[in-house]
């Protein structure tokens, strides 16, 4: 998304801005000449995670913005107050707050240490609430004031909570701040919205968890920066209280080709098309899907293929299911049909192979993500838009990773 100079001289406070999504948003706004408050704990270089508040401050200045690096632990009320006061003293006020600081641990109940549970609550929920609370008095006098939380839409499906309950509780706490604060602050003209990525975002932190294959199913943090720019450009009186995805926001801005954000377009594009199919199925009650029963899975897919759900999607999918009978499934979005071991469509857009029919079932049920299935080699790409996929590419070029 092209910078339009809308944030020149606006003061933006961003938590967790020393790296990743927070840093990318900071640099995007700096190109407009914004005053950027970089609020993060990282003052010294980390052995595995590059970037400090000072290195980001230098980059902000080089791009034409003004910077204020602040050492802040969002759990510490006095540190938060000191950061806000320093921002107001240097720049005269605060126009935008971006609550990006986060802690993550995707663990089951019995594997979650209480100190980890507490950390996620204190940063993701309490930290968002605290920083918002301290900034609101100044946002009331801000120009086009916004609070933007990096948090997901609230989806009340049991399978979405399972295996990462502690993290979801903490992250949905930030989402609930969006819903409650947007209504509470509506009379003050302050917009409060939430933004979340449709796909994995490739950052140094994700690299430590996901490895090389994780990169190939990820997008660059610049997609979140562009989506944030679009949201923050909107009239706060008209756009508030939304929990939305980066891709959806950019589609509203007229963007249709997302290949510029892909780490590896040959992987992310076919998998993203498959994810769109799973999102169509999300529109029905997925709790009735029995992952171990292929008939149940196919019945649910067919039920979801209504004109209202499919809209203008037209891809044809071929699924090869290893060790299963039937072992071929075709889903035709254009004609809204599902068939097993039927005659192959003359035009297959996305051909995927699954290690079992149950893996396919778990993905549509919502208990297994497409990203994880690919990373664990439970899902493989056979072809996309007529081009055979080269399986040798699975050895991801580490030189490319180093450039990220």
Foldseek 3Di string as FASTA:
>chain_A
DDDDLPAALAEEEEEPCFWALNLLLLLSSLLSAHEYEYEYQFPDADPQAGGGLVVSQVSSVVSRYHYHYANDDLLDLVSLLVSQVVSCVVRVFHAEYELEDADADQAAPVPDDVVSLVSRQSRQQVSLVSNCVNRVVRNLVHDLHEYEYAAADDDPDPLQCGRRVSNNVSRVNNLVCQQVVCVVCLVSQYAYEYEYAPWAEDISVVCVVQPDLLLQQHWHSNLVSVLVVQLSPDRSNVDHSYGYYSVVSVVVVVDDDPCVGHLHCQRNVLLVLVVLLLVLLVVDPLVQQDLVDLVSQQVSSLVSLDCVSLPPDFAKEWEAAPPDVVGIWIAGSNVSDIDTPDDDDPWHAWYKYAPHSSVVSCCSSNNDPSSRCVSVVRMDTQDHRPHGDDPVCSVPDVVSVVVD
